[in-house]
């Protein structure tokens, strides 16, 4: 089994996991946003705004990761299947998830103990929002590292950074 077979399987698995967890994050952040909009029972504007940012980030990730899976298999020689395109998309997505996960963690004070606190209305949901944000950040970090390694291999092969992820 050659390296390209691993790349095809790995790309599908990693991007599918990113999409799966982003759908969970979308559901949690959309529910929290709807509750905050309907009842105005958020603890602070930071909590509300950071939840909205994670809603945006999860939608961004679902849409573009789905497109990248599609282009990876249907148009393997296009720019959207290249190492450069993947690095650009994954880096921007990584920045969004870093900002979102770190900011919700800061807004919650590093995490909530739902047994001892009475300030945050949706304690369990906010903990889940924070946890899944960090899980997605880890997956995106892994994906960008693999693509960077593949970019080095592509550059050494002579294809440059615009070369395909698979040969």
C-alpha atoms as a PDB file:
ATOM      1  CA  UNK A   1       0.000   0.000   0.000  1.00  0.00           C
ATOM      2  CA  UNK A   2       1.608   3.264  -1.084  1.00  0.00           C
ATOM      3  CA  UNK A   3       1.560   6.683   0.553  1.00  0.00           C
ATOM      4  CA  UNK A   4      -1.137   8.056  -1.771  1.00  0.00           C
ATOM      5  CA  UNK A   5      -3.617   5.428  -0.582  1.00  0.00           C
ATOM      6  CA  UNK A   6      -2.964   6.517   2.992  1.00  0.00           C
ATOM      7  CA  UNK A   7      -3.446  10.155   1.992  1.00  0.00           C
ATOM      8  CA  UNK A   8      -6.800   9.390   0.339  1.00  0.00           C
ATOM      9  CA  UNK A   9      -8.066   7.459   3.362  1.00  0.00           C
ATOM     10  CA  UNK A  10      -6.555   9.822   5.893  1.00  0.00           C
ATOM     11  CA  UNK A  11      -7.914  12.925   4.169  1.00  0.00           C
ATOM     12  CA  UNK A  12     -11.410  11.478   4.186  1.00  0.00           C
ATOM     13  CA  UNK A  13     -11.188  10.298   7.795  1.00  0.00           C
ATOM     14  CA  UNK A  14      -9.695  13.503   9.231  1.00  0.00           C
ATOM     15  CA  UNK A  15     -11.976  15.850   7.297  1.00  0.00           C
ATOM     16  CA  UNK A  16     -15.004  13.696   8.141  1.00  0.00           C
ATOM     17  CA  UNK A  17     -14.115  13.845  11.839  1.00  0.00           C
ATOM     18  CA  UNK A  18     -13.663  17.604  11.595  1.00  0.00           C
ATOM     19  CA  UNK A  19     -17.087  17.909   9.932  1.00  0.00           C
ATOM     20  CA  UNK A  20     -18.724  15.546  12.442  1.00  0.00           C
ATOM     21  CA  UNK A  21     -17.458  17.426  15.492  1.00  0.00           C
ATOM     22  CA  UNK A  22     -18.203  20.770  13.821  1.00  0.00           C
ATOM     23  CA  UNK A  23     -21.824  19.676  13.365  1.00  0.00           C
ATOM     24  CA  UNK A  24     -21.986  18.918  17.086  1.00  0.00           C
ATOM     25  CA  UNK A  25     -20.418  22.320  17.824  1.00  0.00           C
ATOM     26  CA  UNK A  26     -22.894  23.934  15.431  1.00  0.00           C
ATOM     27  CA  UNK A  27     -25.824  22.361  17.248  1.00  0.00           C
ATOM     28  CA  UNK A  28     -24.602  23.437  20.689  1.00  0.00           C
ATOM     29  CA  UNK A  29     -23.656  26.974  19.672  1.00  0.00           C
ATOM     30  CA  UNK A  30     -26.855  27.487  17.663  1.00  0.00           C
ATOM     31  CA  UNK A  31     -28.970  26.307  20.588  1.00  0.00           C
ATOM     32  CA  UNK A  32     -27.098  28.551  23.020  1.00  0.00           C
ATOM     33  CA  UNK A  33     -27.345  31.506  20.639  1.00  0.00           C
ATOM     34  CA  UNK A  34     -31.094  31.002  20.277  1.00  0.00           C
ATOM     35  CA  UNK A  35     -31.514  30.789  24.071  1.00  0.00           C
ATOM     36  CA  UNK A  36     -29.401  33.894  24.597  1.00  0.00           C
ATOM     37  CA  UNK A  37     -31.363  35.801  21.937  1.00  0.00           C
ATOM     38  CA  UNK A  38     -34.735  34.707  23.297  1.00  0.00           C
ATOM     39  CA  UNK A  39     -34.133  35.090  27.025  1.00  0.00           C
ATOM     40  CA  UNK A  40     -31.142  37.464  27.309  1.00  0.00           C
ATOM     41  CA  UNK A  41     -29.845  35.272  30.151  1.00  0.00           C
ATOM     42  CA  UNK A  42     -26.166  35.240  29.211  1.00  0.00           C
ATOM     43  CA  UNK A  43     -23.696  35.989  31.991  1.00  0.00           C
ATOM     44  CA  UNK A  44     -21.754  38.560  29.981  1.00  0.00           C
ATOM     45  CA  UNK A  45     -21.533  39.978  26.486  1.00  0.00           C
ATOM     46  CA  UNK A  46     -18.266  38.071  26.114  1.00  0.00           C
ATOM     47  CA  UNK A  47     -20.064  34.759  26.685  1.00  0.00           C
ATOM     48  CA  UNK A  48     -22.756  35.673  24.149  1.00  0.00           C
ATOM     49  CA  UNK A  49     -20.366  37.003  21.499  1.00  0.00           C
ATOM     50  CA  UNK A  50     -17.915  34.135  21.791  1.00  0.00           C
ATOM     51  CA  UNK A  51     -20.735  31.644  21.432  1.00  0.00           C
ATOM     52  CA  UNK A  52     -21.774  33.438  18.252  1.00  0.00           C
ATOM     53  CA  UNK A  53     -18.203  33.363  16.979  1.00  0.00           C
ATOM     54  CA  UNK A  54     -18.060  29.599  17.550  1.00  0.00           C
ATOM     55  CA  UNK A  55     -21.343  29.307  15.628  1.00  0.00           C
ATOM     56  CA  UNK A  56     -19.742  31.131  12.699  1.00  0.00           C
ATOM     57  CA  UNK A  57     -16.562  29.050  12.955  1.00  0.00           C
ATOM     58  CA  UNK A  58     -18.446  25.763  12.968  1.00  0.00           C
ATOM     59  CA  UNK A  59     -20.481  26.806   9.891  1.00  0.00           C
ATOM     60  CA  UNK A  60     -17.270  27.933   8.145  1.00  0.00           C
ATOM     61  CA  UNK A  61     -15.618  24.608   8.926  1.00  0.00           C
ATOM     62  CA  UNK A  62     -18.557  22.462   7.806  1.00  0.00           C
ATOM     63  CA  UNK A  63     -19.012  24.285   4.496  1.00  0.00           C
ATOM     64  CA  UNK A  64     -15.371  24.514   3.489  1.00  0.00           C
ATOM     65  CA  UNK A  65     -14.326  21.084   4.760  1.00  0.00           C
ATOM     66  CA  UNK A  66     -17.165  19.554   2.756  1.00  0.00           C
ATOM     67  CA  UNK A  67     -16.002  21.445  -0.326  1.00  0.00           C
ATOM     68  CA  UNK A  68     -12.433  20.303   0.203  1.00  0.00           C
ATOM     69  CA  UNK A  69     -13.497  16.658   0.466  1.00  0.00           C
ATOM     70  CA  UNK A  70     -15.502  17.071  -2.732  1.00  0.00           C
ATOM     71  CA  UNK A  71     -12.680  18.772  -4.660  1.00  0.00           C
ATOM     72  CA  UNK A  72     -10.058  16.358  -3.338  1.00  0.00           C
ATOM     73  CA  UNK A  73     -11.815  13.457  -5.032  1.00  0.00           C
ATOM     74  CA  UNK A  74     -13.635  15.018  -7.986  1.00  0.00           C
ATOM     75  CA  UNK A  75     -10.964  17.491  -9.168  1.00  0.00           C
ATOM     76  CA  UNK A  76      -7.633  16.104  -7.941  1.00  0.00           C
ATOM     77  CA  UNK A  77      -5.582  18.288 -10.321  1.00  0.00           C
ATOM     78  CA  UNK A  78      -7.277  21.587  -9.464  1.00  0.00           C
ATOM     79  CA  UNK A  79      -5.827  24.336  -7.296  1.00  0.00           C
ATOM     80  CA  UNK A  80      -8.393  23.513  -4.591  1.00  0.00           C
ATOM     81  CA  UNK A  81      -6.821  20.075  -4.219  1.00  0.00           C
ATOM     82  CA  UNK A  82      -3.296  21.449  -3.960  1.00  0.00           C
ATOM     83  CA  UNK A  83      -1.082  21.602  -0.917  1.00  0.00           C
ATOM     84  CA  UNK A  84      -1.089  25.413  -1.025  1.00  0.00           C
ATOM     85  CA  UNK A  85      -4.873  25.609  -1.017  1.00  0.00           C
ATOM     86  CA  UNK A  86      -5.139  23.134   1.849  1.00  0.00           C
ATOM     87  CA  UNK A  87      -2.520  25.008   3.871  1.00  0.00           C
ATOM     88  CA  UNK A  88      -4.324  28.312   3.327  1.00  0.00           C
ATOM     89  CA  UNK A  89      -7.722  26.889   4.280  1.00  0.00           C
ATOM     90  CA  UNK A  90      -6.447  24.896   7.251  1.00  0.00           C
ATOM     91  CA  UNK A  91      -4.365  27.770   8.592  1.00  0.00           C
ATOM     92  CA  UNK A  92      -7.315  30.172   8.469  1.00  0.00           C
ATOM     93  CA  UNK A  93      -9.550  27.533  10.053  1.00  0.00           C
ATOM     94  CA  UNK A  94      -6.890  26.845  12.698  1.00  0.00           C
ATOM     95  CA  UNK A  95      -6.758  30.564  13.540  1.00  0.00           C
ATOM     96  CA  UNK A  96     -10.566  30.654  13.882  1.00  0.00           C
ATOM     97  CA  UNK A  97     -10.629  27.593  16.161  1.00  0.00           C
ATOM     98  CA  UNK A  98      -7.695  28.846  18.228  1.00  0.00           C
ATOM     99  CA  UNK A  99      -9.430  32.175  18.752  1.00  0.00           C
ATOM    100  CA  UNK A 100     -12.810  30.564  19.429  1.00  0.00           C
ATOM    101  CA  UNK A 101     -11.626  27.862  21.806  1.00  0.00           C
ATOM    102  CA  UNK A 102      -9.295  30.174  23.716  1.00  0.00           C
ATOM    103  CA  UNK A 103     -11.863  32.947  23.972  1.00  0.00           C
ATOM    104  CA  UNK A 104     -14.696  30.732  25.250  1.00  0.00           C
ATOM    105  CA  UNK A 105     -12.239  29.189  27.716  1.00  0.00           C
ATOM    106  CA  UNK A 106     -11.312  32.673  28.926  1.00  0.00           C
ATOM    107  CA  UNK A 107     -14.970  33.713  29.162  1.00  0.00           C
ATOM    108  CA  UNK A 108     -15.741  30.645  31.283  1.00  0.00           C
ATOM    109  CA  UNK A 109     -12.679  31.039  33.461  1.00  0.00           C
ATOM    110  CA  UNK A 110     -11.017  27.888  32.187  1.00  0.00           C
ATOM    111  CA  UNK A 111     -14.028  25.623  32.541  1.00  0.00           C
ATOM    112  CA  UNK A 112     -17.055  25.354  34.754  1.00  0.00           C
ATOM    113  CA  UNK A 113     -17.817  23.060  37.649  1.00  0.00           C
ATOM    114  CA  UNK A 114     -21.566  22.765  37.308  1.00  0.00           C
ATOM    115  CA  UNK A 115     -21.939  21.442  40.857  1.00  0.00           C
ATOM    116  CA  UNK A 116     -20.507  24.535  42.513  1.00  0.00           C
ATOM    117  CA  UNK A 117     -21.462  27.447  40.301  1.00  0.00           C
ATOM    118  CA  UNK A 118     -24.780  29.215  39.940  1.00  0.00           C
ATOM    119  CA  UNK A 119     -23.816  32.125  37.679  1.00  0.00           C
ATOM    120  CA  UNK A 120     -23.889  30.473  34.254  1.00  0.00           C
ATOM    121  CA  UNK A 121     -27.377  29.407  33.185  1.00  0.00           C
ATOM    122  CA  UNK A 122     -26.368  26.722  30.666  1.00  0.00           C
ATOM    123  CA  UNK A 123     -23.366  25.249  32.451  1.00  0.00           C
ATOM    124  CA  UNK A 124     -23.289  21.805  30.832  1.00  0.00           C
ATOM    125  CA  UNK A 125     -23.841  23.178  27.344  1.00  0.00           C
ATOM    126  CA  UNK A 126     -21.099  25.778  27.791  1.00  0.00           C
ATOM    127  CA  UNK A 127     -18.683  23.083  28.977  1.00  0.00           C
ATOM    128  CA  UNK A 128     -19.566  20.986  25.927  1.00  0.00           C
ATOM    129  CA  UNK A 129     -19.102  24.027  23.663  1.00  0.00           C
ATOM    130  CA  UNK A 130     -15.629  24.575  25.099  1.00  0.00           C
ATOM    131  CA  UNK A 131     -14.660  20.902  24.973  1.00  0.00           C
ATOM    132  CA  UNK A 132     -15.713  20.316  21.379  1.00  0.00           C
ATOM    133  CA  UNK A 133     -13.983  23.538  20.300  1.00  0.00           C
ATOM    134  CA  UNK A 134     -10.704  22.153  21.658  1.00  0.00           C
ATOM    135  CA  UNK A 135     -11.300  18.741  20.042  1.00  0.00           C
ATOM    136  CA  UNK A 136     -11.783  20.400  16.645  1.00  0.00           C
ATOM    137  CA  UNK A 137      -8.701  22.543  17.237  1.00  0.00           C
ATOM    138  CA  UNK A 138      -6.662  19.369  17.822  1.00  0.00           C
ATOM    139  CA  UNK A 139      -8.013  17.766  14.632  1.00  0.00           C
ATOM    140  CA  UNK A 140      -7.303  20.874  12.544  1.00  0.00           C
ATOM    141  CA  UNK A 141      -3.814  21.124  14.050  1.00  0.00           C
ATOM    142  CA  UNK A 142      -3.159  17.495  13.097  1.00  0.00           C
ATOM    143  CA  UNK A 143      -4.484  18.079   9.571  1.00  0.00           C
ATOM    144  CA  UNK A 144      -2.339  21.152   8.995  1.00  0.00           C
ATOM    145  CA  UNK A 145       0.773  19.342  10.224  1.00  0.00           C
ATOM    146  CA  UNK A 146       0.153  16.447   7.828  1.00  0.00           C
ATOM    147  CA  UNK A 147      -0.430  18.853   4.928  1.00  0.00           C
ATOM    148  CA  UNK A 148       2.749  20.769   5.803  1.00  0.00           C
ATOM    149  CA  UNK A 149       4.720  17.511   5.781  1.00  0.00           C
ATOM    150  CA  UNK A 150       3.134  16.607   2.460  1.00  0.00           C
ATOM    151  CA  UNK A 151       4.069  20.068   1.175  1.00  0.00           C
ATOM    152  CA  UNK A 152       7.710  19.458   2.047  1.00  0.00           C
ATOM    153  CA  UNK A 153       7.564  16.109   0.237  1.00  0.00           C
ATOM    154  CA  UNK A 154       5.911  17.795  -2.765  1.00  0.00           C
ATOM    155  CA  UNK A 155       8.543  20.535  -2.852  1.00  0.00           C
ATOM    156  CA  UNK A 156      11.380  18.004  -2.663  1.00  0.00           C
ATOM    157  CA  UNK A 157       9.746  16.001  -5.446  1.00  0.00           C
ATOM    158  CA  UNK A 158       9.887  19.138  -7.600  1.00  0.00           C
ATOM    159  CA  UNK A 159       6.174  19.925  -7.738  1.00  0.00           C
ATOM    160  CA  UNK A 160       6.461  22.913  -5.429  1.00  0.00           C
ATOM    161  CA  UNK A 161       3.841  23.986  -2.935  1.00  0.00           C
ATOM    162  CA  UNK A 162       1.170  24.014  -5.650  1.00  0.00           C
ATOM    163  CA  UNK A 163       1.554  20.281  -6.139  1.00  0.00           C
ATOM    164  CA  UNK A 164      -1.260  17.874  -5.403  1.00  0.00           C
ATOM    165  CA  UNK A 165      -1.581  16.177  -2.042  1.00  0.00           C
ATOM    166  CA  UNK A 166      -1.456  12.876  -3.860  1.00  0.00           C
ATOM    167  CA  UNK A 167       0.935  12.061  -6.689  1.00  0.00           C
END
